[in-house]
Amino acid sequence: MNYQEIRIENEPSQPVERCLRGLVRLGKFCLLLLVVPVVVAVYRQPLAEQNRQCTKLDAMSHQRDELTAKRDQLLRQLEWIKTDPSYLEMRARDHEHMHQKGEYVIRLE
């Protein structure tokens, strides 16, 4: 077996090859300039939608927390009404403006 050494030159020897390589590099650069804006345009729209959805999710989570606190408060009041006669009496006097027989109620506002 005979081995031959092949040398690859960094610089092309002919001016036409050099010119073609320059055009190929220019074509790659132009293609890159076209691809980058397309990728940005494709991903920008879903990103804006995702940001809107995150904002909406935060608002709904805050509303859920408020409604949960209100529900817990109402459940406590219901439990007090069922088990505590003094709370029921206080509620009737303060919120329903009721009084027992023989009582005189004076309200200062």
PDB file of N, CA and C in Angstrom:
ATOM      1  N   MET A   1       0.823  -1.179   0.000  1.00  0.00           N
ATOM      2  CA  MET A   1       0.000   0.000   0.000  1.00  0.00           C
ATOM      3  C   MET A   1       0.865   1.239   0.000  1.00  0.00           C
ATOM      4  N   ASN A   2       0.470   2.106  -0.834  1.00  0.00           N
ATOM      5  CA  ASN A   2       1.174   3.382  -0.919  1.00  0.00           C
ATOM      6  C   ASN A   2       0.255   4.476  -0.406  1.00  0.00           C
ATOM      7  N   TYR A   3       0.765   5.221   0.522  1.00  0.00           N
ATOM      8  CA  TYR A   3       0.010   6.347   1.065  1.00  0.00           C
ATOM      9  C   TYR A   3       0.524   7.620   0.433  1.00  0.00           C
ATOM     10  N   GLN A   4      -0.417   8.472   0.108  1.00  0.00           N
ATOM     11  CA  GLN A   4      -0.031   9.766  -0.455  1.00  0.00           C
ATOM     12  C   GLN A   4      -0.532  10.855   0.474  1.00  0.00           C
ATOM     13  N   GLU A   5       0.235  11.833   0.611  1.00  0.00           N
ATOM     14  CA  GLU A   5      -0.128  12.959   1.460  1.00  0.00           C
ATOM     15  C   GLU A   5      -0.891  13.972   0.618  1.00  0.00           C
ATOM     16  N   ILE A   6      -2.061  14.342   1.093  1.00  0.00           N
ATOM     17  CA  ILE A   6      -2.871  15.336   0.390  1.00  0.00           C
ATOM     18  C   ILE A   6      -2.896  16.574   1.262  1.00  0.00           C
ATOM     19  N   ARG A   7      -2.515  17.662   0.696  1.00  0.00           N
ATOM     20  CA  ARG A   7      -2.518  18.930   1.426  1.00  0.00           C
ATOM     21  C   ARG A   7      -3.729  19.751   0.998  1.00  0.00           C
ATOM     22  N   ILE A   8      -4.448  20.246   2.016  1.00  0.00           N
ATOM     23  CA  ILE A   8      -5.582  21.128   1.743  1.00  0.00           C
ATOM     24  C   ILE A   8      -5.111  22.538   2.054  1.00  0.00           C
ATOM     25  N   GLU A   9      -5.194  23.342   1.062  1.00  0.00           N
ATOM     26  CA  GLU A   9      -4.732  24.721   1.232  1.00  0.00           C
ATOM     27  C   GLU A   9      -5.853  25.561   1.832  1.00  0.00           C
ATOM     28  N   ASN A  10      -5.491  26.436   2.737  1.00  0.00           N
ATOM     29  CA  ASN A  10      -6.455  27.339   3.342  1.00  0.00           C
ATOM     30  C   ASN A  10      -6.938  28.385   2.344  1.00  0.00           C
ATOM     31  N   GLU A  11      -6.068  28.855   1.541  1.00  0.00           N
ATOM     32  CA  GLU A  11      -6.386  29.858   0.542  1.00  0.00           C
ATOM     33  C   GLU A  11      -6.617  29.167  -0.794  1.00  0.00           C
ATOM     34  N   PRO A  12      -7.741  29.398  -1.409  1.00  0.00           N
ATOM     35  CA  PRO A  12      -7.912  28.835  -2.740  1.00  0.00           C
ATOM     36  C   PRO A  12      -6.956  29.495  -3.717  1.00  0.00           C
ATOM     37  N   SER A  13      -6.482  28.695  -4.630  1.00  0.00           N
ATOM     38  CA  SER A  13      -5.474  29.204  -5.558  1.00  0.00           C
ATOM     39  C   SER A  13      -6.090  30.018  -6.684  1.00  0.00           C
ATOM     40  N   GLN A  14      -7.311  29.755  -7.010  1.00  0.00           N
ATOM     41  CA  GLN A  14      -7.908  30.460  -8.145  1.00  0.00           C
ATOM     42  C   GLN A  14      -8.837  31.555  -7.630  1.00  0.00           C
ATOM     43  N   PRO A  15      -8.864  32.676  -8.276  1.00  0.00           N
ATOM     44  CA  PRO A  15      -9.718  33.789  -7.837  1.00  0.00           C
ATOM     45  C   PRO A  15     -11.208  33.473  -7.972  1.00  0.00           C
ATOM     46  N   VAL A  16     -11.577  32.603  -8.885  1.00  0.00           N
ATOM     47  CA  VAL A  16     -12.996  32.268  -9.048  1.00  0.00           C
ATOM     48  C   VAL A  16     -13.494  31.482  -7.835  1.00  0.00           C
ATOM     49  N   GLU A  17     -12.693  30.539  -7.347  1.00  0.00           N
ATOM     50  CA  GLU A  17     -13.074  29.772  -6.163  1.00  0.00           C
ATOM     51  C   GLU A  17     -13.191  30.682  -4.943  1.00  0.00           C
ATOM     52  N   ARG A  18     -12.264  31.607  -4.838  1.00  0.00           N
ATOM     53  CA  ARG A  18     -12.300  32.553  -3.734  1.00  0.00           C
ATOM     54  C   ARG A  18     -13.570  33.397  -3.794  1.00  0.00           C
ATOM     55  N   CYS A  19     -13.941  33.812  -4.954  1.00  0.00           N
ATOM     56  CA  CYS A  19     -15.140  34.632  -5.138  1.00  0.00           C
ATOM     57  C   CYS A  19     -16.398  33.811  -4.809  1.00  0.00           C
ATOM     58  N   LEU A  20     -16.433  32.553  -5.220  1.00  0.00           N
ATOM     59  CA  LEU A  20     -17.582  31.693  -4.927  1.00  0.00           C
ATOM     60  C   LEU A  20     -17.712  31.423  -3.428  1.00  0.00           C
ATOM     61  N   ARG A  21     -16.594  31.200  -2.762  1.00  0.00           N
ATOM     62  CA  ARG A  21     -16.638  30.999  -1.314  1.00  0.00           C
ATOM     63  C   ARG A  21     -17.148  32.246  -0.595  1.00  0.00           C
ATOM     64  N   GLY A  22     -16.745  33.402  -1.072  1.00  0.00           N
ATOM     65  CA  GLY A  22     -17.239  34.659  -0.497  1.00  0.00           C
ATOM     66  C   GLY A  22     -18.737  34.802  -0.699  1.00  0.00           C
ATOM     67  N   LEU A  23     -19.221  34.417  -1.879  1.00  0.00           N
ATOM     68  CA  LEU A  23     -20.666  34.493  -2.140  1.00  0.00           C
ATOM     69  C   LEU A  23     -21.446  33.502  -1.276  1.00  0.00           C
ATOM     70  N   VAL A  24     -20.894  32.322  -1.051  1.00  0.00           N
ATOM     71  CA  VAL A  24     -21.556  31.343  -0.187  1.00  0.00           C
ATOM     72  C   VAL A  24     -21.638  31.878   1.241  1.00  0.00           C
ATOM     73  N   ARG A  25     -20.559  32.477   1.727  1.00  0.00           N
ATOM     74  CA  ARG A  25     -20.576  33.067   3.074  1.00  0.00           C
ATOM     75  C   ARG A  25     -21.595  34.197   3.159  1.00  0.00           C
ATOM     76  N   LEU A  26     -21.659  35.021   2.125  1.00  0.00           N
ATOM     77  CA  LEU A  26     -22.626  36.112   2.093  1.00  0.00           C
ATOM     78  C   LEU A  26     -24.052  35.559   2.072  1.00  0.00           C
ATOM     79  N   GLY A  27     -24.262  34.475   1.336  1.00  0.00           N
ATOM     80  CA  GLY A  27     -25.580  33.845   1.294  1.00  0.00           C
ATOM     81  C   GLY A  27     -25.977  33.290   2.651  1.00  0.00           C
ATOM     82  N   LYS A  28     -25.048  32.674   3.360  1.00  0.00           N
ATOM     83  CA  LYS A  28     -25.326  32.157   4.701  1.00  0.00           C
ATOM     84  C   LYS A  28     -25.686  33.293   5.658  1.00  0.00           C
ATOM     85  N   PHE A  29     -24.954  34.382   5.555  1.00  0.00           N
ATOM     86  CA  PHE A  29     -25.221  35.534   6.415  1.00  0.00           C
ATOM     87  C   PHE A  29     -26.611  36.105   6.132  1.00  0.00           C
ATOM     88  N   CYS A  30     -26.966  36.238   4.850  1.00  0.00           N
ATOM     89  CA  CYS A  30     -28.296  36.756   4.479  1.00  0.00           C
ATOM     90  C   CYS A  30     -29.402  35.814   4.960  1.00  0.00           C
ATOM     91  N   LEU A  31     -29.159  34.522   4.848  1.00  0.00           N
ATOM     92  CA  LEU A  31     -30.137  33.552   5.327  1.00  0.00           C
ATOM     93  C   LEU A  31     -30.316  33.678   6.843  1.00  0.00           C
ATOM     94  N   LEU A  32     -29.236  33.883   7.548  1.00  0.00           N
ATOM     95  CA  LEU A  32     -29.315  34.072   8.995  1.00  0.00           C
ATOM     96  C   LEU A  32     -30.106  35.336   9.327  1.00  0.00           C
ATOM     97  N   LEU A  33     -29.878  36.395   8.549  1.00  0.00           N
ATOM     98  CA  LEU A  33     -30.623  37.635   8.780  1.00  0.00           C
ATOM     99  C   LEU A  33     -32.117  37.460   8.525  1.00  0.00           C
ATOM    100  N   LEU A  34     -32.483  36.546   7.669  1.00  0.00           N
ATOM    101  CA  LEU A  34     -33.899  36.296   7.413  1.00  0.00           C
ATOM    102  C   LEU A  34     -34.514  35.353   8.447  1.00  0.00           C
ATOM    103  N   VAL A  35     -33.757  34.406   8.933  1.00  0.00           N
ATOM    104  CA  VAL A  35     -34.287  33.401   9.857  1.00  0.00           C
ATOM    105  C   VAL A  35     -34.512  33.983  11.252  1.00  0.00           C
ATOM    106  N   VAL A  36     -33.613  34.811  11.741  1.00  0.00           N
ATOM    107  CA  VAL A  36     -33.712  35.345  13.101  1.00  0.00           C
ATOM    108  C   VAL A  36     -34.999  36.147  13.311  1.00  0.00           C
ATOM    109  N   PRO A  37     -35.376  37.075  12.430  1.00  0.00           N
ATOM    110  CA  PRO A  37     -36.648  37.789  12.651  1.00  0.00           C
ATOM    111  C   PRO A  37     -37.872  36.874  12.596  1.00  0.00           C
ATOM    112  N   VAL A  38     -37.821  35.853  11.760  1.00  0.00           N
ATOM    113  CA  VAL A  38     -38.946  34.922  11.690  1.00  0.00           C
ATOM    114  C   VAL A  38     -39.091  34.173  13.019  1.00  0.00           C
ATOM    115  N   VAL A  39     -37.987  33.729  13.574  1.00  0.00           N
ATOM    116  CA  VAL A  39     -38.028  33.019  14.859  1.00  0.00           C
ATOM    117  C   VAL A  39     -38.539  33.946  15.961  1.00  0.00           C
ATOM    118  N   VAL A  40     -38.085  35.181  15.957  1.00  0.00           N
ATOM    119  CA  VAL A  40     -38.541  36.148  16.965  1.00  0.00           C
ATOM    120  C   VAL A  40     -40.034  36.398  16.815  1.00  0.00           C
ATOM    121  N   ALA A  41     -40.508  36.544  15.579  1.00  0.00           N
ATOM    122  CA  ALA A  41     -41.937  36.795  15.347  1.00  0.00           C
ATOM    123  C   ALA A  41     -42.779  35.592  15.768  1.00  0.00           C
ATOM    124  N   VAL A  42     -42.275  34.401  15.548  1.00  0.00           N
ATOM    125  CA  VAL A  42     -43.034  33.198  15.903  1.00  0.00           C
ATOM    126  C   VAL A  42     -43.150  33.055  17.414  1.00  0.00           C
ATOM    127  N   TYR A  43     -42.102  33.345  18.147  1.00  0.00           N
ATOM    128  CA  TYR A  43     -42.123  33.159  19.592  1.00  0.00           C
ATOM    129  C   TYR A  43     -42.649  34.356  20.365  1.00  0.00           C
ATOM    130  N   ARG A  44     -42.698  35.524  19.764  1.00  0.00           N
ATOM    131  CA  ARG A  44     -43.159  36.701  20.494  1.00  0.00           C
ATOM    132  C   ARG A  44     -44.652  36.629  20.763  1.00  0.00           C
ATOM    133  N   GLN A  45     -45.446  36.198  19.798  1.00  0.00           N
ATOM    134  CA  GLN A  45     -46.892  36.131  19.972  1.00  0.00           C
ATOM    135  C   GLN A  45     -47.296  35.166  21.093  1.00  0.00           C
ATOM    136  N   PRO A  46     -46.798  33.926  21.116  1.00  0.00           N
ATOM    137  CA  PRO A  46     -47.157  33.050  22.238  1.00  0.00           C
ATOM    138  C   PRO A  46     -46.653  33.568  23.582  1.00  0.00           C
ATOM    139  N   LEU A  47     -45.543  34.272  23.593  1.00  0.00           N
ATOM    140  CA  LEU A  47     -45.021  34.812  24.839  1.00  0.00           C
ATOM    141  C   LEU A  47     -45.958  35.879  25.398  1.00  0.00           C
ATOM    142  N   ALA A  48     -46.489  36.739  24.533  1.00  0.00           N
ATOM    143  CA  ALA A  48     -47.439  37.758  24.988  1.00  0.00           C
ATOM    144  C   ALA A  48     -48.711  37.099  25.523  1.00  0.00           C
ATOM    145  N   GLU A  49     -49.177  36.067  24.842  1.00  0.00           N
ATOM    146  CA  GLU A  49     -50.359  35.337  25.310  1.00  0.00           C
ATOM    147  C   GLU A  49     -50.082  34.667  26.654  1.00  0.00           C
ATOM    148  N   GLN A  50     -48.906  34.116  26.813  1.00  0.00           N
ATOM    149  CA  GLN A  50     -48.546  33.477  28.078  1.00  0.00           C
ATOM    150  C   GLN A  50     -48.498  34.509  29.208  1.00  0.00           C
ATOM    151  N   ASN A  51     -47.978  35.690  28.937  1.00  0.00           N
ATOM    152  CA  ASN A  51     -47.930  36.734  29.966  1.00  0.00           C
ATOM    153  C   ASN A  51     -49.343  37.172  30.360  1.00  0.00           C
ATOM    154  N   ARG A  52     -50.253  37.287  29.365  1.00  0.00           N
ATOM    155  CA  ARG A  52     -51.636  37.642  29.684  1.00  0.00           C
ATOM    156  C   ARG A  52     -52.289  36.554  30.534  1.00  0.00           C
ATOM    157  N   GLN A  53     -52.032  35.316  30.202  1.00  0.00           N
ATOM    158  CA  GLN A  53     -52.613  34.216  30.959  1.00  0.00           C
ATOM    159  C   GLN A  53     -52.062  34.173  32.392  1.00  0.00           C
ATOM    160  N   CYS A  54     -50.777  34.481  32.564  1.00  0.00           N
ATOM    161  CA  CYS A  54     -50.194  34.518  33.911  1.00  0.00           C
ATOM    162  C   CYS A  54     -50.826  35.617  34.748  1.00  0.00           C
ATOM    163  N   THR A  55     -51.058  36.780  34.133  1.00  0.00           N
ATOM    164  CA  THR A  55     -51.707  37.884  34.840  1.00  0.00           C
ATOM    165  C   THR A  55     -53.122  37.494  35.243  1.00  0.00           C
ATOM    166  N   LYS A  56     -53.835  36.868  34.323  1.00  0.00           N
ATOM    167  CA  LYS A  56     -55.202  36.425  34.612  1.00  0.00           C
ATOM    168  C   LYS A  56     -55.209  35.374  35.718  1.00  0.00           C
ATOM    169  N   LEU A  57     -54.243  34.473  35.691  1.00  0.00           N
ATOM    170  CA  LEU A  57     -54.141  33.439  36.721  1.00  0.00           C
ATOM    171  C   LEU A  57     -53.883  34.059  38.094  1.00  0.00           C
ATOM    172  N   ASP A  58     -53.016  35.067  38.161  1.00  0.00           N
ATOM    173  CA  ASP A  58     -52.752  35.740  39.431  1.00  0.00           C
ATOM    174  C   ASP A  58     -54.009  36.412  39.969  1.00  0.00           C
ATOM    175  N   ALA A  59     -54.770  37.079  39.084  1.00  0.00           N
ATOM    176  CA  ALA A  59     -55.999  37.741  39.509  1.00  0.00           C
ATOM    177  C   ALA A  59     -57.018  36.722  40.011  1.00  0.00           C
ATOM    178  N   MET A  60     -57.133  35.610  39.309  1.00  0.00           N
ATOM    179  CA  MET A  60     -58.091  34.588  39.723  1.00  0.00           C
ATOM    180  C   MET A  60     -57.662  33.918  41.030  1.00  0.00           C
ATOM    181  N   SER A  61     -56.364  33.753  41.244  1.00  0.00           N
ATOM    182  CA  SER A  61     -55.886  33.181  42.506  1.00  0.00           C
ATOM    183  C   SER A  61     -56.200  34.115  43.673  1.00  0.00           C
ATOM    184  N   HIS A  62     -56.022  35.411  43.446  1.00  0.00           N
ATOM    185  CA  HIS A  62     -56.344  36.395  44.487  1.00  0.00           C
ATOM    186  C   HIS A  62     -57.847  36.364  44.789  1.00  0.00           C
ATOM    187  N   GLN A  63     -58.672  36.296  43.754  1.00  0.00           N
ATOM    188  CA  GLN A  63     -60.121  36.232  43.942  1.00  0.00           C
ATOM    189  C   GLN A  63     -60.512  34.941  44.669  1.00  0.00           C
ATOM    190  N   ARG A  64     -59.873  33.828  44.332  1.00  0.00           N
ATOM    191  CA  ARG A  64     -60.144  32.556  45.005  1.00  0.00           C
ATOM    192  C   ARG A  64     -59.824  32.650  46.492  1.00  0.00           C
ATOM    193  N   ASP A  65     -58.692  33.293  46.823  1.00  0.00           N
ATOM    194  CA  ASP A  65     -58.312  33.431  48.227  1.00  0.00           C
ATOM    195  C   ASP A  65     -59.327  34.281  48.993  1.00  0.00           C
ATOM    196  N   GLU A  66     -59.800  35.361  48.364  1.00  0.00           N
ATOM    197  CA  GLU A  66     -60.804  36.205  49.012  1.00  0.00           C
ATOM    198  C   GLU A  66     -62.102  35.435  49.241  1.00  0.00           C
ATOM    199  N   LEU A  67     -62.537  34.689  48.234  1.00  0.00           N
ATOM    200  CA  LEU A  67     -63.779  33.926  48.366  1.00  0.00           C
ATOM    201  C   LEU A  67     -63.637  32.807  49.397  1.00  0.00           C
ATOM    202  N   THR A  68     -62.470  32.201  49.486  1.00  0.00           N
ATOM    203  CA  THR A  68     -62.233  31.172  50.496  1.00  0.00           C
ATOM    204  C   THR A  68     -62.308  31.762  51.899  1.00  0.00           C
ATOM    205  N   ALA A  69     -61.731  32.943  52.082  1.00  0.00           N
ATOM    206  CA  ALA A  69     -61.791  33.598  53.393  1.00  0.00           C
ATOM    207  C   ALA A  69     -63.234  33.956  53.746  1.00  0.00           C
ATOM    208  N   LYS A  70     -63.997  34.444  52.772  1.00  0.00           N
ATOM    209  CA  LYS A  70     -65.406  34.786  53.011  1.00  0.00           C
ATOM    210  C   LYS A  70     -66.212  33.534  53.366  1.00  0.00           C
ATOM    211  N   ARG A  71     -65.961  32.431  52.647  1.00  0.00           N
ATOM    212  CA  ARG A  71     -66.648  31.171  52.939  1.00  0.00           C
ATOM    213  C   ARG A  71     -66.333  30.687  54.346  1.00  0.00           C
ATOM    214  N   ASP A  72     -65.065  30.765  54.731  1.00  0.00           N
ATOM    215  CA  ASP A  72     -64.671  30.337  56.077  1.00  0.00           C
ATOM    216  C   ASP A  72     -65.356  31.181  57.146  1.00  0.00           C
ATOM    217  N   GLN A  73     -65.456  32.477  56.906  1.00  0.00           N
ATOM    218  CA  GLN A  73     -66.122  33.368  57.853  1.00  0.00           C
ATOM    219  C   GLN A  73     -67.605  32.994  57.979  1.00  0.00           C
ATOM    220  N   LEU A  74     -68.261  32.736  56.848  1.00  0.00           N
ATOM    221  CA  LEU A  74     -69.681  32.374  56.887  1.00  0.00           C
ATOM    222  C   LEU A  74     -69.897  31.009  57.565  1.00  0.00           C
ATOM    223  N   LEU A  75     -68.972  30.083  57.337  1.00  0.00           N
ATOM    224  CA  LEU A  75     -69.090  28.785  58.001  1.00  0.00           C
ATOM    225  C   LEU A  75     -68.929  28.914  59.514  1.00  0.00           C
ATOM    226  N   ARG A  76     -68.022  29.787  59.954  1.00  0.00           N
ATOM    227  CA  ARG A  76     -67.863  30.029  61.394  1.00  0.00           C
ATOM    228  C   ARG A  76     -69.136  30.638  61.977  1.00  0.00           C
ATOM    229  N   GLN A  77     -69.712  31.614  61.271  1.00  0.00           N
ATOM    230  CA  GLN A  77     -70.942  32.234  61.750  1.00  0.00           C
ATOM    231  C   GLN A  77     -72.079  31.209  61.822  1.00  0.00           C
ATOM    232  N   LEU A  78     -72.169  30.350  60.822  1.00  0.00           N
ATOM    233  CA  LEU A  78     -73.197  29.313  60.825  1.00  0.00           C
ATOM    234  C   LEU A  78     -73.021  28.369  62.010  1.00  0.00           C
ATOM    235  N   GLU A  79     -71.788  27.993  62.275  1.00  0.00           N
ATOM    236  CA  GLU A  79     -71.514  27.116  63.419  1.00  0.00           C
ATOM    237  C   GLU A  79     -71.876  27.810  64.729  1.00  0.00           C
ATOM    238  N   TRP A  80     -71.567  29.111  64.845  1.00  0.00           N
ATOM    239  CA  TRP A  80     -71.922  29.855  66.051  1.00  0.00           C
ATOM    240  C   TRP A  80     -73.446  29.938  66.204  1.00  0.00           C
ATOM    241  N   ILE A  81     -74.144  30.154  65.105  1.00  0.00           N
ATOM    242  CA  ILE A  81     -75.610  30.239  65.178  1.00  0.00           C
ATOM    243  C   ILE A  81     -76.194  28.906  65.643  1.00  0.00           C
ATOM    244  N   LYS A  82     -75.621  27.804  65.170  1.00  0.00           N
ATOM    245  CA  LYS A  82     -76.128  26.484  65.548  1.00  0.00           C
ATOM    246  C   LYS A  82     -75.816  26.128  66.995  1.00  0.00           C
ATOM    247  N   THR A  83     -74.684  26.570  67.520  1.00  0.00           N
ATOM    248  CA  THR A  83     -74.245  26.078  68.833  1.00  0.00           C
ATOM    249  C   THR A  83     -74.261  27.122  69.951  1.00  0.00           C
ATOM    250  N   ASP A  84     -74.208  28.401  69.640  1.00  0.00           N
ATOM    251  CA  ASP A  84     -74.029  29.414  70.682  1.00  0.00           C
ATOM    252  C   ASP A  84     -75.270  30.307  70.771  1.00  0.00           C
ATOM    253  N   PRO A  85     -76.103  30.130  71.805  1.00  0.00           N
ATOM    254  CA  PRO A  85     -77.313  30.960  71.916  1.00  0.00           C
ATOM    255  C   PRO A  85     -77.001  32.436  72.181  1.00  0.00           C
ATOM    256  N   SER A  86     -75.898  32.709  72.869  1.00  0.00           N
ATOM    257  CA  SER A  86     -75.567  34.114  73.133  1.00  0.00           C
ATOM    258  C   SER A  86     -75.183  34.848  71.835  1.00  0.00           C
ATOM    259  N   TYR A  87     -74.528  34.153  70.924  1.00  0.00           N
ATOM    260  CA  TYR A  87     -74.199  34.775  69.625  1.00  0.00           C
ATOM    261  C   TYR A  87     -75.481  35.045  68.847  1.00  0.00           C
ATOM    262  N   LEU A  88     -76.413  34.110  68.889  1.00  0.00           N
ATOM    263  CA  LEU A  88     -77.675  34.281  68.178  1.00  0.00           C
ATOM    264  C   LEU A  88     -78.444  35.478  68.733  1.00  0.00           C
ATOM    265  N   GLU A  89     -78.430  35.631  70.057  1.00  0.00           N
ATOM    266  CA  GLU A  89     -79.111  36.768  70.679  1.00  0.00           C
ATOM    267  C   GLU A  89     -78.423  38.083  70.289  1.00  0.00           C
ATOM    268  N   MET A  90     -77.087  38.084  70.353  1.00  0.00           N
ATOM    269  CA  MET A  90     -76.349  39.297  69.976  1.00  0.00           C
ATOM    270  C   MET A  90     -76.600  39.663  68.514  1.00  0.00           C
ATOM    271  N   ARG A  91     -76.654  38.677  67.669  1.00  0.00           N
ATOM    272  CA  ARG A  91     -76.896  38.905  66.234  1.00  0.00           C
ATOM    273  C   ARG A  91     -78.298  39.486  66.019  1.00  0.00           C
ATOM    274  N   ALA A  92     -79.293  38.956  66.727  1.00  0.00           N
ATOM    275  CA  ALA A  92     -80.662  39.450  66.595  1.00  0.00           C
ATOM    276  C   ALA A  92     -80.770  40.890  67.079  1.00  0.00           C
ATOM    277  N   ARG A  93     -80.099  41.208  68.175  1.00  0.00           N
ATOM    278  CA  ARG A  93     -80.172  42.573  68.704  1.00  0.00           C
ATOM    279  C   ARG A  93     -79.452  43.576  67.797  1.00  0.00           C
ATOM    280  N   ASP A  94     -78.227  43.219  67.356  1.00  0.00           N
ATOM    281  CA  ASP A  94     -77.425  44.197  66.613  1.00  0.00           C
ATOM    282  C   ASP A  94     -77.833  44.331  65.153  1.00  0.00           C
ATOM    283  N   HIS A  95     -78.093  43.233  64.503  1.00  0.00           N
ATOM    284  CA  HIS A  95     -78.317  43.294  63.057  1.00  0.00           C
ATOM    285  C   HIS A  95     -79.796  43.337  62.682  1.00  0.00           C
ATOM    286  N   GLU A  96     -80.654  42.760  63.503  1.00  0.00           N
ATOM    287  CA  GLU A  96     -82.072  42.727  63.176  1.00  0.00           C
ATOM    288  C   GLU A  96     -82.867  43.749  63.992  1.00  0.00           C
ATOM    289  N   HIS A  97     -82.198  44.463  64.874  1.00  0.00           N
ATOM    290  CA  HIS A  97     -82.815  45.496  65.721  1.00  0.00           C
ATOM    291  C   HIS A  97     -84.015  44.947  66.503  1.00  0.00           C
ATOM    292  N   MET A  98     -83.842  43.768  67.068  1.00  0.00           N
ATOM    293  CA  MET A  98     -84.892  43.144  67.881  1.00  0.00           C
ATOM    294  C   MET A  98     -84.596  43.369  69.363  1.00  0.00           C
ATOM    295  N   HIS A  99     -85.630  43.239  70.169  1.00  0.00           N
ATOM    296  CA  HIS A  99     -85.453  43.345  71.619  1.00  0.00           C
ATOM    297  C   HIS A  99     -86.459  42.429  72.304  1.00  0.00           C
ATOM    298  N   GLN A 100     -86.187  42.148  73.580  1.00  0.00           N
ATOM    299  CA  GLN A 100     -87.089  41.282  74.331  1.00  0.00           C
ATOM    300  C   GLN A 100     -88.215  42.121  74.929  1.00  0.00           C
ATOM    301  N   LYS A 101     -89.236  41.443  75.387  1.00  0.00           N
ATOM    302  CA  LYS A 101     -90.381  42.137  75.997  1.00  0.00           C
ATOM    303  C   LYS A 101     -89.917  42.875  77.250  1.00  0.00           C
ATOM    304  N   GLY A 102     -90.356  44.094  77.356  1.00  0.00           N
ATOM    305  CA  GLY A 102     -90.035  44.875  78.531  1.00  0.00           C
ATOM    306  C   GLY A 102     -88.716  45.613  78.428  1.00  0.00           C
ATOM    307  N   GLU A 103     -87.994  45.482  77.336  1.00  0.00           N
ATOM    308  CA  GLU A 103     -86.720  46.179  77.176  1.00  0.00           C
ATOM    309  C   GLU A 103     -86.934  47.441  76.360  1.00  0.00           C
ATOM    310  N   TYR A 104     -86.158  48.436  76.681  1.00  0.00           N
ATOM    311  CA  TYR A 104     -86.137  49.655  75.894  1.00  0.00           C
ATOM    312  C   TYR A 104     -84.731  49.778  75.302  1.00  0.00           C
ATOM    313  N   VAL A 105     -84.668  49.921  74.004  1.00  0.00           N
ATOM    314  CA  VAL A 105     -83.365  49.998  73.336  1.00  0.00           C
ATOM    315  C   VAL A 105     -83.129  51.415  72.904  1.00  0.00           C
ATOM    316  N   ILE A 106     -81.982  51.947  73.301  1.00  0.00           N
ATOM    317  CA  ILE A 106     -81.588  53.285  72.890  1.00  0.00           C
ATOM    318  C   ILE A 106     -80.312  53.141  72.055  1.00  0.00           C
ATOM    319  N   ARG A 107     -80.385  53.596  70.841  1.00  0.00           N
ATOM    320  CA  ARG A 107     -79.223  53.500  69.932  1.00  0.00           C
ATOM    321  C   ARG A 107     -78.649  54.885  69.716  1.00  0.00           C
ATOM    322  N   LEU A 108     -77.338  54.958  69.863  1.00  0.00           N
ATOM    323  CA  LEU A 108     -76.625  56.200  69.595  1.00  0.00           C
ATOM    324  C   LEU A 108     -75.789  56.012  68.341  1.00  0.00           C
ATOM    325  N   GLU A 109     -76.026  56.815  67.350  1.00  0.00           N
ATOM    326  CA  GLU A 109     -75.265  56.695  66.115  1.00  0.00           C
ATOM    327  C   GLU A 109     -74.554  57.960  65.782  1.00  0.00           C
TER     328      GLU A 109
END
